[in-house]
N, C-alpha and C. Protein backbone atom coordinates (compact mmCIF):
# COMPACT_ATOMS: atom_id res chain seq x y z
N MET A 1 -22.35 -20.44 22.83
CA MET A 1 -23.64 -20.40 22.54
C MET A 1 -24.61 -19.09 22.93
N LYS A 2 -23.94 -18.45 24.07
CA LYS A 2 -24.80 -17.37 24.34
C LYS A 2 -24.87 -16.30 23.28
N PHE A 3 -23.68 -16.10 22.62
CA PHE A 3 -23.45 -15.09 21.71
C PHE A 3 -24.59 -15.43 20.54
N MET A 4 -24.66 -16.51 20.12
CA MET A 4 -25.71 -17.01 19.03
C MET A 4 -27.14 -16.36 19.57
N THR A 5 -27.56 -16.66 20.56
CA THR A 5 -28.83 -16.07 21.26
C THR A 5 -29.06 -14.81 21.32
N VAL A 6 -27.91 -14.02 21.76
CA VAL A 6 -27.97 -12.68 21.72
C VAL A 6 -27.87 -11.93 20.24
N ALA A 7 -27.12 -12.59 19.34
CA ALA A 7 -27.33 -12.27 17.80
C ALA A 7 -28.57 -12.58 17.08
N ALA A 8 -29.07 -13.73 17.68
CA ALA A 8 -30.42 -14.02 16.91
C ALA A 8 -31.41 -13.10 17.33
N LYS A 9 -31.49 -12.50 18.70
CA LYS A 9 -32.38 -11.52 19.24
C LYS A 9 -32.31 -10.17 18.49
N PHE A 10 -31.29 -9.83 18.08
CA PHE A 10 -30.92 -8.47 17.48
C PHE A 10 -30.90 -8.39 15.86
N PHE A 11 -30.55 -9.81 15.43
CA PHE A 11 -30.62 -9.94 13.80
C PHE A 11 -31.21 -11.23 13.57
N PRO A 12 -32.62 -11.17 13.76
CA PRO A 12 -33.01 -12.51 13.39
C PRO A 12 -33.22 -12.59 11.92
N ALA A 13 -33.23 -11.97 11.16
CA ALA A 13 -33.21 -11.90 9.42
C ALA A 13 -31.73 -12.70 9.07
N VAL A 14 -30.60 -12.28 9.74
CA VAL A 14 -29.48 -12.77 9.48
C VAL A 14 -28.99 -14.18 10.00
N ILE A 15 -29.58 -14.44 11.11
CA ILE A 15 -29.20 -15.86 11.86
C ILE A 15 -30.35 -16.76 11.19
N THR A 16 -30.11 -17.79 10.43
CA THR A 16 -30.96 -18.65 9.83
C THR A 16 -30.41 -20.11 10.36
N THR A 17 -31.44 -21.01 10.32
CA THR A 17 -31.13 -22.48 10.57
C THR A 17 -31.12 -23.44 9.40
N THR A 18 -31.57 -22.75 8.25
CA THR A 18 -31.77 -23.45 6.92
C THR A 18 -30.31 -23.55 6.26
N ALA A 19 -30.06 -24.44 5.68
CA ALA A 19 -28.92 -24.65 4.70
C ALA A 19 -28.77 -23.55 3.38
N PRO A 20 -27.95 -23.02 3.17
CA PRO A 20 -27.77 -21.92 2.04
C PRO A 20 -27.93 -22.78 0.56
N THR A 21 -28.77 -22.14 -0.29
CA THR A 21 -28.90 -22.67 -1.65
C THR A 21 -28.23 -22.02 -2.56
N MET A 22 -27.67 -22.77 -3.77
CA MET A 22 -27.06 -22.02 -4.97
C MET A 22 -28.01 -21.15 -5.61
N PRO A 23 -27.39 -20.06 -5.95
CA PRO A 23 -28.24 -19.03 -6.87
C PRO A 23 -28.74 -20.04 -8.25
N THR A 24 -29.78 -19.66 -8.68
CA THR A 24 -30.57 -20.25 -9.83
C THR A 24 -30.25 -19.46 -10.96
N PRO A 25 -30.23 -19.83 -12.34
CA PRO A 25 -30.16 -18.73 -13.52
C PRO A 25 -31.27 -17.67 -13.42
N ALA A 26 -32.30 -17.87 -12.95
CA ALA A 26 -33.19 -16.85 -12.63
C ALA A 26 -32.72 -15.60 -11.61
N ASP A 27 -32.06 -16.20 -10.85
CA ASP A 27 -31.35 -15.10 -9.83
C ASP A 27 -30.46 -14.41 -10.52
N TRP A 28 -29.73 -14.95 -11.48
CA TRP A 28 -28.69 -14.28 -12.28
C TRP A 28 -29.16 -13.35 -13.14
N ALA A 29 -30.36 -13.85 -13.80
CA ALA A 29 -31.13 -13.02 -14.78
C ALA A 29 -31.60 -11.70 -14.42
N THR A 30 -31.95 -11.56 -12.88
CA THR A 30 -32.47 -10.20 -12.39
C THR A 30 -31.24 -9.49 -12.32
N ILE A 31 -30.33 -9.89 -11.76
CA ILE A 31 -29.05 -9.17 -11.33
C ILE A 31 -28.40 -8.47 -12.85
N ILE A 32 -28.31 -9.40 -13.93
CA ILE A 32 -27.90 -8.78 -14.98
C ILE A 32 -28.90 -7.69 -15.70
N THR A 33 -30.15 -7.99 -15.77
CA THR A 33 -30.87 -6.94 -16.16
C THR A 33 -30.78 -5.70 -15.49
N SER A 34 -30.71 -5.63 -14.08
CA SER A 34 -30.64 -4.58 -13.43
C SER A 34 -29.09 -3.96 -13.47
N VAL A 35 -28.40 -4.39 -13.66
CA VAL A 35 -26.97 -3.97 -14.10
C VAL A 35 -27.14 -3.19 -15.62
N THR A 36 -27.59 -4.06 -16.53
CA THR A 36 -27.53 -3.53 -18.16
C THR A 36 -28.44 -2.45 -18.06
N SER A 37 -29.62 -2.21 -17.36
CA SER A 37 -30.37 -1.12 -17.17
C SER A 37 -29.86 -0.01 -16.77
N ASN A 38 -28.97 -0.04 -15.65
CA ASN A 38 -28.42 1.20 -15.04
C ASN A 38 -26.81 1.63 -15.87
N PHE A 39 -26.23 0.50 -16.48
CA PHE A 39 -24.98 1.36 -17.17
C PHE A 39 -25.16 0.76 -18.72
N SER A 40 -24.65 1.72 -19.41
CA SER A 40 -24.39 1.53 -20.97
C SER A 40 -23.09 1.64 -21.22
N VAL A 41 -22.87 1.14 -22.78
CA VAL A 41 -21.45 1.00 -22.99
C VAL A 41 -21.01 2.35 -23.06
N ALA A 42 -21.85 3.35 -23.45
CA ALA A 42 -21.16 4.82 -23.25
C ALA A 42 -20.77 5.22 -21.90
N ASN A 43 -21.19 4.72 -20.93
CA ASN A 43 -21.01 5.05 -19.52
C ASN A 43 -19.60 4.46 -19.01
N ILE A 44 -19.62 3.07 -19.46
CA ILE A 44 -18.53 2.34 -19.22
C ILE A 44 -16.98 2.97 -19.94
N VAL A 45 -17.41 3.30 -21.26
CA VAL A 45 -16.07 3.93 -22.27
C VAL A 45 -15.67 5.20 -21.45
N LEU A 46 -16.78 6.02 -21.01
CA LEU A 46 -16.45 7.39 -20.34
C LEU A 46 -15.53 7.12 -19.05
N VAL A 47 -15.99 6.11 -18.39
CA VAL A 47 -15.29 5.90 -17.17
C VAL A 47 -13.64 5.40 -17.34
N LEU A 48 -13.67 4.49 -18.38
CA LEU A 48 -12.26 4.00 -18.83
C LEU A 48 -11.45 5.05 -19.24
N ALA A 49 -12.17 6.16 -20.20
CA ALA A 49 -11.35 7.09 -20.60
C ALA A 49 -10.91 8.03 -19.68
N SER A 50 -11.74 8.16 -18.54
CA SER A 50 -11.13 9.00 -17.54
C SER A 50 -10.22 8.41 -16.59
N VAL A 51 -10.23 7.07 -16.48
CA VAL A 51 -9.03 6.43 -15.85
C VAL A 51 -7.91 6.46 -16.46
N VAL A 52 -7.82 6.45 -17.81
CA VAL A 52 -6.67 6.40 -18.62
C VAL A 52 -6.09 7.81 -18.58
N THR A 53 -6.98 8.71 -18.71
CA THR A 53 -6.57 10.09 -18.67
C THR A 53 -6.08 10.53 -17.29
N ALA A 54 -6.72 10.14 -16.40
CA ALA A 54 -5.88 10.31 -14.93
C ALA A 54 -4.41 9.58 -14.96
N GLY A 55 -4.53 8.53 -15.38
CA GLY A 55 -3.30 7.93 -15.22
C GLY A 55 -2.23 8.50 -15.94
N ILE A 56 -2.51 9.15 -17.22
CA ILE A 56 -1.46 9.68 -18.12
C ILE A 56 -0.89 11.00 -17.23
N VAL A 57 -1.93 11.66 -16.62
CA VAL A 57 -1.61 12.78 -16.09
C VAL A 57 -0.67 12.73 -14.89
N PHE A 58 -1.05 11.52 -14.15
CA PHE A 58 0.09 11.16 -12.96
C PHE A 58 1.42 10.83 -13.35
N VAL A 59 1.37 10.24 -14.50
CA VAL A 59 2.77 9.67 -15.09
C VAL A 59 3.53 11.06 -15.28
N PHE A 60 2.89 11.86 -15.95
CA PHE A 60 3.56 13.26 -16.59
C PHE A 60 3.92 13.79 -15.25
N LEU A 61 3.10 14.13 -14.13
CA LEU A 61 3.42 14.61 -12.92
C LEU A 61 4.47 13.88 -12.39
N TRP A 62 4.73 12.70 -12.17
CA TRP A 62 5.80 12.08 -11.67
C TRP A 62 7.02 12.43 -12.13
N TRP A 63 7.15 12.30 -13.70
CA TRP A 63 8.20 12.59 -14.58
C TRP A 63 8.51 13.91 -14.19
N GLY A 64 7.89 15.09 -14.27
CA GLY A 64 7.94 16.35 -13.85
C GLY A 64 8.71 16.72 -12.61
N ILE A 65 7.98 15.81 -11.52
CA ILE A 65 8.42 16.21 -10.15
C ILE A 65 9.71 15.37 -9.93
N ARG A 66 10.18 14.40 -10.85
CA ARG A 66 11.52 13.87 -10.54
C ARG A 66 12.39 14.81 -11.30
N LEU A 67 12.13 15.47 -12.50
CA LEU A 67 12.97 16.20 -13.10
C LEU A 67 13.46 17.40 -12.27
N ALA A 68 12.28 17.99 -11.51
CA ALA A 68 12.57 18.93 -10.80
C ALA A 68 13.43 18.91 -9.58
N PHE A 69 12.90 17.73 -8.90
CA PHE A 69 13.88 17.13 -7.54
C PHE A 69 15.15 17.11 -8.07
N ARG A 70 15.48 16.45 -9.12
CA ARG A 70 17.11 16.21 -9.59
C ARG A 70 17.71 17.61 -10.10
N SER A 71 16.95 18.46 -10.78
CA SER A 71 17.61 19.59 -10.83
C SER A 71 17.79 20.44 -9.44
N ILE A 72 16.96 20.36 -8.60
CA ILE A 72 17.28 21.12 -7.57
C ILE A 72 18.34 20.55 -6.43
N MET A 73 18.32 19.14 -6.59
CA MET A 73 19.53 18.60 -5.74
C MET A 73 21.10 18.70 -6.46
N GLY A 74 20.83 18.92 -7.71
CA GLY A 74 22.18 19.08 -8.66
C GLY A 74 22.53 20.62 -8.25
N ALA A 75 21.70 21.64 -8.15
CA ALA A 75 21.87 22.90 -8.00
C ALA A 75 22.41 22.78 -6.50
N VAL A 76 22.07 22.06 -5.60
CA VAL A 76 22.55 22.15 -4.14
C VAL A 76 23.82 21.55 -4.21
N LYS A 77 24.12 20.39 -4.74
CA LYS A 77 25.12 19.55 -4.70
C LYS A 77 26.29 20.19 -5.53
N ASN A 78 26.23 20.70 -6.75
CA ASN A 78 27.11 21.57 -7.82
C ASN A 78 27.32 22.78 -7.55
N GLY A 79 26.25 23.35 -7.31
CA GLY A 79 26.25 24.93 -7.44
C GLY A 79 25.80 25.22 -8.52
N SER A 80 25.15 24.47 -9.45
CA SER A 80 24.62 25.10 -10.66
C SER A 80 23.33 24.25 -10.89
N LEU A 81 22.52 25.18 -11.82
CA LEU A 81 20.99 24.60 -12.06
C LEU A 81 20.93 24.37 -13.26
N SER A 82 20.57 22.96 -13.41
CA SER A 82 20.47 22.09 -15.06
C SER A 82 19.21 21.85 -15.22
N ILE A 83 18.68 21.94 -16.24
CA ILE A 83 17.09 21.53 -16.46
C ILE A 83 17.05 20.22 -17.19
N ASN A 84 18.23 19.80 -17.97
CA ASN A 84 18.42 18.70 -18.56
C ASN A 84 18.49 17.40 -17.88
N GLY A 85 18.00 17.20 -16.81
CA GLY A 85 18.18 16.06 -15.72
C GLY A 85 19.40 15.61 -15.50
N GLY A 86 20.37 16.27 -15.42
CA GLY A 86 21.60 15.79 -15.15
C GLY A 86 22.42 14.91 -16.41
N ARG A 87 21.79 14.90 -17.47
CA ARG A 87 22.77 14.44 -18.60
C ARG A 87 23.77 15.37 -19.04
N LYS A 88 24.82 14.94 -19.29
CA LYS A 88 26.10 16.04 -19.70
C LYS A 88 25.91 16.02 -21.23
N LYS A 89 26.15 17.01 -21.85
CA LYS A 89 26.42 17.41 -23.01
C LYS A 89 27.84 16.95 -23.66
N LYS A 90 28.02 16.33 -24.92
CA LYS A 90 28.88 15.44 -25.44
C LYS A 90 29.65 16.80 -26.05
N ARG A 91 31.05 16.62 -25.80
CA ARG A 91 31.91 17.71 -26.44
C ARG A 91 32.38 17.22 -27.84
N GLY A 92 32.44 18.22 -28.90
CA GLY A 92 32.88 17.65 -30.11
C GLY A 92 32.09 17.07 -31.04
N GLY A 93 32.01 17.02 -32.23
CA GLY A 93 31.37 16.28 -32.86
C GLY A 93 29.78 16.76 -32.99
């Protein structure tokens, strides 16, 4: 109980004794209008395109790093450097 009195002393606006109320449609309307005034469809598309582009770059980097690692490890283990990712060439035909 002592904590509540100390908290009420420093944060009087946070500690209330009234029961919380449900938000009304008018409350949601103010939130929706403020969000739609700040963000446009073009901004959202730009952010999504940037995220997709960054994801594609990371995937290609991951593949490249794995290929380089396999090539280097193959050179260390077998004594030969191969860029084809460790795949063997078929003989004949």
